[in-house]
Amino acid sequence: MNFKRQTTEDPEVNLIPLIDVLLVILIFLMISTTYSKFTELKITLPTADAEKLQNHPQEIIVAVSSGGEYAVNKQLLPSRTVSALTQSLLDASKGKADTMVVISADAQATQQSVVNVMEAARAAGLSRLTFATQKSPGS
């Protein structure tokens, strides 16, 4: 009997095909990635097909002018502070938490002025807010 052991070679892992596949995937990812630039936000405020405004007894209309002045139910406020606006909303709502606050802001009004109205409504406990719009010119 001849008991010769066959010498077996250790298996080798060929890394070249693996590297080729990884490079192709890397190139694909680099090409398909989009790079965004956030240089400036151009915002166009929406218009809506609004129906005729109906006066409801549980509505408070807050007008915001382009200069940042506030008027609550057509009464101009002497102060532009959030606390004065909050007090005026509390007086107009007469303690009813379900009162709707309609924000009617000028197109040239600053966003901070509108945020001040929203903050004053929150401080007054009024959570129902809506924005008044005008009909779009094409309608």
N, C-alpha and C. Protein backbone atom coordinates (compact mmCIF):
# COMPACT_ATOMS: atom_id res chain seq x y z
N MET A 1 0.82 -1.16 0.00
CA MET A 1 0.00 0.00 0.00
C MET A 1 0.87 1.23 0.00
N ASN A 2 0.39 2.06 -0.76
CA ASN A 2 1.13 3.30 -0.90
C ASN A 2 0.29 4.43 -0.27
N PHE A 3 0.75 4.90 0.85
CA PHE A 3 0.03 5.96 1.56
C PHE A 3 0.76 7.27 1.40
N LYS A 4 0.64 7.83 0.26
CA LYS A 4 1.25 9.13 0.05
C LYS A 4 0.21 10.21 0.34
N ARG A 5 0.66 11.10 1.03
CA ARG A 5 -0.24 12.23 1.28
C ARG A 5 -0.12 13.22 0.15
N GLN A 6 -1.27 13.63 -0.26
CA GLN A 6 -1.24 14.66 -1.30
C GLN A 6 -1.12 16.01 -0.61
N THR A 7 -0.26 16.78 -1.12
CA THR A 7 -0.09 18.11 -0.54
C THR A 7 -1.17 19.02 -1.12
N THR A 8 -1.90 19.59 -0.25
CA THR A 8 -2.95 20.52 -0.70
C THR A 8 -2.47 21.94 -0.47
N GLU A 9 -2.78 22.73 -1.39
CA GLU A 9 -2.41 24.14 -1.27
C GLU A 9 -3.51 24.87 -0.50
N ASP A 10 -3.10 25.84 0.25
CA ASP A 10 -4.08 26.65 0.98
C ASP A 10 -4.87 27.48 -0.02
N PRO A 11 -6.19 27.56 0.19
CA PRO A 11 -6.99 28.36 -0.74
C PRO A 11 -6.66 29.85 -0.59
N GLU A 12 -6.64 30.53 -1.69
CA GLU A 12 -6.33 31.96 -1.73
C GLU A 12 -7.59 32.74 -2.08
N VAL A 13 -7.75 33.86 -1.48
CA VAL A 13 -8.84 34.76 -1.83
C VAL A 13 -8.27 35.80 -2.77
N ASN A 14 -8.85 35.84 -3.94
CA ASN A 14 -8.39 36.79 -4.94
C ASN A 14 -9.11 38.12 -4.70
N LEU A 15 -8.38 39.12 -4.29
CA LEU A 15 -8.98 40.40 -3.93
C LEU A 15 -9.16 41.35 -5.10
N ILE A 16 -8.58 41.08 -6.21
CA ILE A 16 -8.66 42.00 -7.35
C ILE A 16 -10.09 42.16 -7.87
N PRO A 17 -10.87 41.09 -8.05
CA PRO A 17 -12.26 41.30 -8.48
C PRO A 17 -13.09 42.07 -7.45
N LEU A 18 -12.82 41.84 -6.17
CA LEU A 18 -13.53 42.56 -5.13
C LEU A 18 -13.22 44.05 -5.20
N ILE A 19 -11.99 44.40 -5.39
CA ILE A 19 -11.59 45.80 -5.51
C ILE A 19 -12.21 46.43 -6.75
N ASP A 20 -12.27 45.69 -7.84
CA ASP A 20 -12.89 46.21 -9.06
C ASP A 20 -14.37 46.53 -8.84
N VAL A 21 -15.08 45.64 -8.18
CA VAL A 21 -16.51 45.86 -7.93
C VAL A 21 -16.71 47.06 -7.00
N LEU A 22 -15.89 47.16 -5.98
CA LEU A 22 -16.01 48.29 -5.06
C LEU A 22 -15.72 49.62 -5.75
N LEU A 23 -14.76 49.65 -6.64
CA LEU A 23 -14.47 50.88 -7.36
C LEU A 23 -15.62 51.27 -8.28
N VAL A 24 -16.26 50.31 -8.93
CA VAL A 24 -17.41 50.61 -9.78
C VAL A 24 -18.56 51.15 -8.93
N ILE A 25 -18.80 50.56 -7.77
CA ILE A 25 -19.87 51.06 -6.88
C ILE A 25 -19.55 52.46 -6.40
N LEU A 26 -18.30 52.72 -6.06
CA LEU A 26 -17.89 54.04 -5.61
C LEU A 26 -18.10 55.08 -6.70
N ILE A 27 -17.72 54.77 -7.92
CA ILE A 27 -17.92 55.70 -9.04
C ILE A 27 -19.41 55.95 -9.26
N PHE A 28 -20.21 54.90 -9.19
CA PHE A 28 -21.66 55.06 -9.36
C PHE A 28 -22.25 55.97 -8.29
N LEU A 29 -21.84 55.79 -7.05
CA LEU A 29 -22.35 56.63 -5.97
C LEU A 29 -21.92 58.09 -6.12
N MET A 30 -20.69 58.29 -6.57
CA MET A 30 -20.21 59.66 -6.75
C MET A 30 -20.97 60.37 -7.87
N ILE A 31 -21.30 59.66 -8.91
CA ILE A 31 -22.02 60.27 -10.03
C ILE A 31 -23.48 60.52 -9.67
N SER A 32 -24.10 59.62 -8.94
CA SER A 32 -25.53 59.75 -8.67
C SER A 32 -25.84 60.66 -7.48
N THR A 33 -24.86 61.09 -6.73
CA THR A 33 -25.09 61.98 -5.60
C THR A 33 -25.38 63.39 -6.10
N THR A 34 -26.40 64.00 -5.52
CA THR A 34 -26.70 65.39 -5.86
C THR A 34 -26.21 66.29 -4.74
N TYR A 35 -25.64 67.38 -5.12
CA TYR A 35 -25.15 68.35 -4.17
C TYR A 35 -26.07 69.56 -4.21
N SER A 36 -26.60 69.92 -3.07
CA SER A 36 -27.55 71.03 -2.99
C SER A 36 -26.86 72.27 -2.49
N LYS A 37 -27.30 73.38 -3.03
CA LYS A 37 -26.81 74.68 -2.57
C LYS A 37 -27.98 75.41 -1.93
N PHE A 38 -27.76 75.89 -0.72
CA PHE A 38 -28.77 76.66 -0.04
C PHE A 38 -28.24 78.09 0.09
N THR A 39 -28.32 78.84 -0.97
CA THR A 39 -27.80 80.19 -0.94
C THR A 39 -28.88 81.18 -0.53
N GLU A 40 -30.06 81.03 -1.08
CA GLU A 40 -31.12 81.97 -0.79
C GLU A 40 -32.45 81.29 -1.00
N LEU A 41 -33.36 81.55 -0.09
CA LEU A 41 -34.70 81.00 -0.23
C LEU A 41 -35.57 82.04 -0.92
N LYS A 42 -36.16 81.66 -2.02
CA LYS A 42 -37.08 82.53 -2.71
C LYS A 42 -38.48 82.02 -2.41
N ILE A 43 -39.22 82.78 -1.65
CA ILE A 43 -40.54 82.35 -1.20
C ILE A 43 -41.61 83.18 -1.90
N THR A 44 -42.55 82.49 -2.48
CA THR A 44 -43.72 83.13 -3.04
C THR A 44 -44.90 82.76 -2.16
N LEU A 45 -45.48 83.75 -1.52
CA LEU A 45 -46.59 83.47 -0.62
C LEU A 45 -47.80 83.04 -1.42
N PRO A 46 -48.58 82.11 -0.88
CA PRO A 46 -49.70 81.54 -1.64
C PRO A 46 -50.89 82.48 -1.70
N THR A 47 -51.65 82.31 -2.76
CA THR A 47 -52.96 82.94 -2.87
C THR A 47 -53.97 81.81 -2.91
N ALA A 48 -55.19 82.12 -2.59
CA ALA A 48 -56.20 81.07 -2.54
C ALA A 48 -57.49 81.59 -3.14
N ASP A 49 -58.32 80.66 -3.54
CA ASP A 49 -59.65 81.01 -4.00
C ASP A 49 -60.53 81.14 -2.77
N ALA A 50 -60.51 82.32 -2.19
CA ALA A 50 -61.21 82.54 -0.93
C ALA A 50 -62.66 82.93 -1.19
N GLU A 51 -63.51 82.44 -0.34
CA GLU A 51 -64.91 82.82 -0.41
C GLU A 51 -65.06 84.15 0.32
N LYS A 52 -66.24 84.73 0.20
CA LYS A 52 -66.51 85.99 0.88
C LYS A 52 -66.38 85.80 2.37
N LEU A 53 -65.67 86.74 3.01
CA LEU A 53 -65.44 86.65 4.44
C LEU A 53 -66.74 86.82 5.19
N GLN A 54 -67.03 85.89 6.06
CA GLN A 54 -68.24 85.96 6.86
C GLN A 54 -67.84 86.28 8.28
N ASN A 55 -68.52 87.24 8.88
CA ASN A 55 -68.23 87.59 10.26
C ASN A 55 -68.93 86.62 11.18
N HIS A 56 -68.18 85.98 12.01
CA HIS A 56 -68.71 85.10 13.02
C HIS A 56 -68.44 85.74 14.37
N PRO A 57 -69.33 85.59 15.32
CA PRO A 57 -69.11 86.25 16.61
C PRO A 57 -67.89 85.72 17.36
N GLN A 58 -67.42 84.52 17.03
CA GLN A 58 -66.28 83.96 17.74
C GLN A 58 -65.01 84.06 16.91
N GLU A 59 -64.86 85.13 16.16
CA GLU A 59 -63.65 85.38 15.38
C GLU A 59 -62.99 86.67 15.85
N ILE A 60 -61.69 86.64 15.90
CA ILE A 60 -60.91 87.85 16.17
C ILE A 60 -60.04 88.05 14.95
N ILE A 61 -60.19 89.18 14.30
CA ILE A 61 -59.40 89.48 13.11
C ILE A 61 -58.23 90.37 13.52
N VAL A 62 -57.03 89.86 13.30
CA VAL A 62 -55.81 90.61 13.63
C VAL A 62 -55.19 91.04 12.31
N ALA A 63 -55.13 92.34 12.08
CA ALA A 63 -54.52 92.87 10.86
C ALA A 63 -53.09 93.27 11.17
N VAL A 64 -52.20 92.93 10.25
CA VAL A 64 -50.78 93.27 10.40
C VAL A 64 -50.40 94.13 9.20
N SER A 65 -49.95 95.35 9.45
CA SER A 65 -49.58 96.25 8.35
C SER A 65 -48.15 95.97 7.91
N SER A 66 -47.78 96.58 6.80
CA SER A 66 -46.41 96.39 6.30
C SER A 66 -45.39 97.04 7.22
N GLY A 67 -45.81 98.01 8.02
CA GLY A 67 -44.91 98.66 8.96
C GLY A 67 -44.80 97.94 10.29
N GLY A 68 -45.57 96.87 10.48
CA GLY A 68 -45.50 96.12 11.72
C GLY A 68 -46.50 96.53 12.77
N GLU A 69 -47.48 97.36 12.39
CA GLU A 69 -48.52 97.75 13.34
C GLU A 69 -49.61 96.68 13.36
N TYR A 70 -50.26 96.56 14.51
CA TYR A 70 -51.31 95.56 14.68
C TYR A 70 -52.65 96.24 14.93
N ALA A 71 -53.71 95.64 14.42
CA ALA A 71 -55.07 96.07 14.70
C ALA A 71 -55.88 94.84 15.02
N VAL A 72 -56.54 94.86 16.18
CA VAL A 72 -57.37 93.74 16.60
C VAL A 72 -58.82 94.17 16.47
N ASN A 73 -59.56 93.47 15.62
CA ASN A 73 -60.96 93.81 15.33
C ASN A 73 -61.11 95.30 14.97
N LYS A 74 -60.26 95.75 14.07
CA LYS A 74 -60.25 97.11 13.51
C LYS A 74 -59.89 98.19 14.51
N GLN A 75 -59.28 97.82 15.64
CA GLN A 75 -58.83 98.81 16.61
C GLN A 75 -57.31 98.76 16.65
N LEU A 76 -56.68 99.86 16.27
CA LEU A 76 -55.22 99.93 16.20
C LEU A 76 -54.63 99.87 17.60
N LEU A 77 -53.61 99.03 17.76
CA LEU A 77 -52.94 98.92 19.06
C LEU A 77 -51.85 99.97 19.16
N PRO A 78 -51.73 100.63 20.30
CA PRO A 78 -50.70 101.67 20.43
C PRO A 78 -49.29 101.09 20.54
N SER A 79 -49.17 99.83 20.96
CA SER A 79 -47.86 99.22 21.16
C SER A 79 -47.69 98.05 20.21
N ARG A 80 -46.44 97.78 19.84
CA ARG A 80 -46.14 96.67 18.93
C ARG A 80 -45.60 95.45 19.68
N THR A 81 -45.70 95.43 20.99
CA THR A 81 -45.13 94.34 21.76
C THR A 81 -46.07 93.14 21.78
N VAL A 82 -45.49 91.97 22.02
CA VAL A 82 -46.27 90.74 22.07
C VAL A 82 -47.18 90.75 23.29
N SER A 83 -46.72 91.33 24.39
CA SER A 83 -47.56 91.36 25.60
C SER A 83 -48.79 92.22 25.41
N ALA A 84 -48.66 93.36 24.72
CA ALA A 84 -49.83 94.19 24.45
C ALA A 84 -50.79 93.48 23.52
N LEU A 85 -50.26 92.79 22.55
CA LEU A 85 -51.10 92.03 21.62
C LEU A 85 -51.79 90.88 22.35
N THR A 86 -51.10 90.22 23.26
CA THR A 86 -51.70 89.15 24.05
C THR A 86 -52.85 89.67 24.89
N GLN A 87 -52.64 90.80 25.54
CA GLN A 87 -53.70 91.39 26.37
C GLN A 87 -54.91 91.77 25.53
N SER A 88 -54.68 92.31 24.35
CA SER A 88 -55.77 92.68 23.46
C SER A 88 -56.54 91.46 22.99
N LEU A 89 -55.82 90.36 22.71
CA LEU A 89 -56.50 89.12 22.31
C LEU A 89 -57.30 88.53 23.47
N LEU A 90 -56.76 88.61 24.68
CA LEU A 90 -57.51 88.14 25.85
C LEU A 90 -58.79 88.94 26.04
N ASP A 91 -58.70 90.26 25.87
CA ASP A 91 -59.89 91.11 26.01
C ASP A 91 -60.92 90.80 24.92
N ALA A 92 -60.46 90.58 23.70
CA ALA A 92 -61.39 90.34 22.58
C ALA A 92 -62.02 88.96 22.65
N SER A 93 -61.31 87.97 23.20
CA SER A 93 -61.85 86.62 23.26
C SER A 93 -62.80 86.41 24.43
N LYS A 94 -62.74 87.29 25.41
CA LYS A 94 -63.61 87.24 26.59
C LYS A 94 -63.54 85.88 27.27
N GLY A 95 -62.35 85.28 27.28
CA GLY A 95 -62.15 84.03 27.99
C GLY A 95 -62.59 82.79 27.25
N LYS A 96 -63.05 82.90 26.02
CA LYS A 96 -63.48 81.73 25.25
C LYS A 96 -62.28 81.16 24.50
N ALA A 97 -61.90 79.94 24.83
CA ALA A 97 -60.72 79.33 24.23
C ALA A 97 -60.96 78.84 22.82
N ASP A 98 -62.23 78.68 22.41
CA ASP A 98 -62.52 78.17 21.08
C ASP A 98 -62.66 79.29 20.04
N THR A 99 -62.26 80.49 20.39
CA THR A 99 -62.33 81.63 19.46
C THR A 99 -61.30 81.46 18.35
N MET A 100 -61.73 81.74 17.12
CA MET A 100 -60.85 81.64 15.95
C MET A 100 -60.11 82.97 15.77
N VAL A 101 -58.80 82.89 15.59
CA VAL A 101 -57.98 84.08 15.32
C VAL A 101 -57.65 84.07 13.83
N VAL A 102 -58.11 85.12 13.13
CA VAL A 102 -57.86 85.25 11.70
C VAL A 102 -56.74 86.27 11.52
N ILE A 103 -55.62 85.84 10.96
CA ILE A 103 -54.48 86.72 10.74
C ILE A 103 -54.56 87.25 9.32
N SER A 104 -54.72 88.55 9.21
CA SER A 104 -54.79 89.20 7.90
C SER A 104 -53.56 90.10 7.77
N ALA A 105 -52.53 89.55 7.16
CA ALA A 105 -51.25 90.26 7.09
C ALA A 105 -51.05 90.87 5.71
N ASP A 106 -50.46 92.04 5.67
CA ASP A 106 -50.08 92.68 4.42
C ASP A 106 -49.01 91.83 3.74
N ALA A 107 -48.99 91.85 2.43
CA ALA A 107 -48.00 91.06 1.68
C ALA A 107 -46.58 91.52 1.98
N GLN A 108 -46.40 92.77 2.35
CA GLN A 108 -45.08 93.31 2.65
C GLN A 108 -44.73 93.25 4.13
N ALA A 109 -45.62 92.67 4.96
CA ALA A 109 -45.35 92.58 6.39
C ALA A 109 -44.22 91.58 6.63
N THR A 110 -43.45 91.83 7.67
CA THR A 110 -42.35 90.92 7.98
C THR A 110 -42.90 89.63 8.59
N GLN A 111 -42.14 88.58 8.41
CA GLN A 111 -42.56 87.30 8.99
C GLN A 111 -42.54 87.35 10.51
N GLN A 112 -41.66 88.15 11.07
CA GLN A 112 -41.60 88.27 12.52
C GLN A 112 -42.89 88.87 13.07
N SER A 113 -43.49 89.79 12.35
CA SER A 113 -44.75 90.38 12.79
C SER A 113 -45.84 89.32 12.86
N VAL A 114 -45.88 88.44 11.88
CA VAL A 114 -46.88 87.37 11.86
C VAL A 114 -46.59 86.35 12.96
N VAL A 115 -45.32 86.05 13.18
CA VAL A 115 -44.94 85.12 14.25
C VAL A 115 -45.31 85.71 15.61
N ASN A 116 -45.19 87.03 15.76
CA ASN A 116 -45.58 87.69 17.01
C ASN A 116 -47.07 87.49 17.28
N VAL A 117 -47.89 87.58 16.24
CA VAL A 117 -49.33 87.36 16.40
C VAL A 117 -49.59 85.92 16.83
N MET A 118 -48.89 84.98 16.22
CA MET A 118 -49.07 83.57 16.58
C MET A 118 -48.63 83.32 18.02
N GLU A 119 -47.54 83.94 18.44
CA GLU A 119 -47.05 83.80 19.80
C GLU A 119 -48.03 84.41 20.80
N ALA A 120 -48.58 85.56 20.46
CA ALA A 120 -49.56 86.21 21.35
C ALA A 120 -50.82 85.37 21.47
N ALA A 121 -51.26 84.75 20.37
CA ALA A 121 -52.44 83.89 20.42
C ALA A 121 -52.17 82.67 21.29
N ARG A 122 -50.97 82.11 21.20
CA ARG A 122 -50.62 80.97 22.05
C ARG A 122 -50.61 81.37 23.52
N ALA A 123 -50.04 82.53 23.80
CA ALA A 123 -49.98 83.00 25.19
C ALA A 123 -51.38 83.31 25.73
N ALA A 124 -52.30 83.70 24.86
CA ALA A 124 -53.66 84.00 25.29
C ALA A 124 -54.51 82.74 25.38
N GLY A 125 -53.95 81.59 25.00
CA GLY A 125 -54.69 80.34 25.07
C GLY A 125 -55.59 80.09 23.88
N LEU A 126 -55.35 80.79 22.78
CA LEU A 126 -56.15 80.63 21.57
C LEU A 126 -55.37 79.76 20.59
N SER A 127 -55.88 78.57 20.34
CA SER A 127 -55.13 77.64 19.49
C SER A 127 -55.70 77.51 18.09
N ARG A 128 -56.81 78.13 17.81
CA ARG A 128 -57.42 78.04 16.48
C ARG A 128 -56.99 79.27 15.67
N LEU A 129 -56.07 79.06 14.73
CA LEU A 129 -55.53 80.14 13.90
C LEU A 129 -55.82 79.86 12.44
N THR A 130 -56.04 80.91 11.69
CA THR A 130 -56.16 80.79 10.25
C THR A 130 -55.63 82.07 9.63
N PHE A 131 -55.35 82.01 8.33
CA PHE A 131 -54.82 83.16 7.61
C PHE A 131 -55.84 83.62 6.57
N ALA A 132 -56.02 84.90 6.48
CA ALA A 132 -56.89 85.46 5.44
C ALA A 132 -56.09 85.57 4.16
N THR A 133 -56.73 85.24 3.05
CA THR A 133 -56.08 85.33 1.75
C THR A 133 -56.95 86.14 0.82
N GLN A 134 -56.42 86.44 -0.31
CA GLN A 134 -57.21 87.13 -1.34
C GLN A 134 -57.32 86.23 -2.55
N LYS A 135 -58.28 86.50 -3.38
CA LYS A 135 -58.44 85.70 -4.58
C LYS A 135 -57.25 85.92 -5.50
N SER A 136 -56.82 84.84 -6.12
CA SER A 136 -55.73 84.97 -7.07
C SER A 136 -56.22 85.74 -8.29
N PRO A 137 -55.32 86.49 -8.95
CA PRO A 137 -55.75 87.35 -10.07
C PRO A 137 -56.39 86.58 -11.22
N GLY A 138 -56.05 85.32 -11.42
CA GLY A 138 -56.61 84.54 -12.52
C GLY A 138 -58.01 84.02 -12.25
N SER A 139 -58.50 84.11 -11.01
CA SER A 139 -59.79 83.53 -10.66
C SER A 139 -60.92 84.49 -10.92
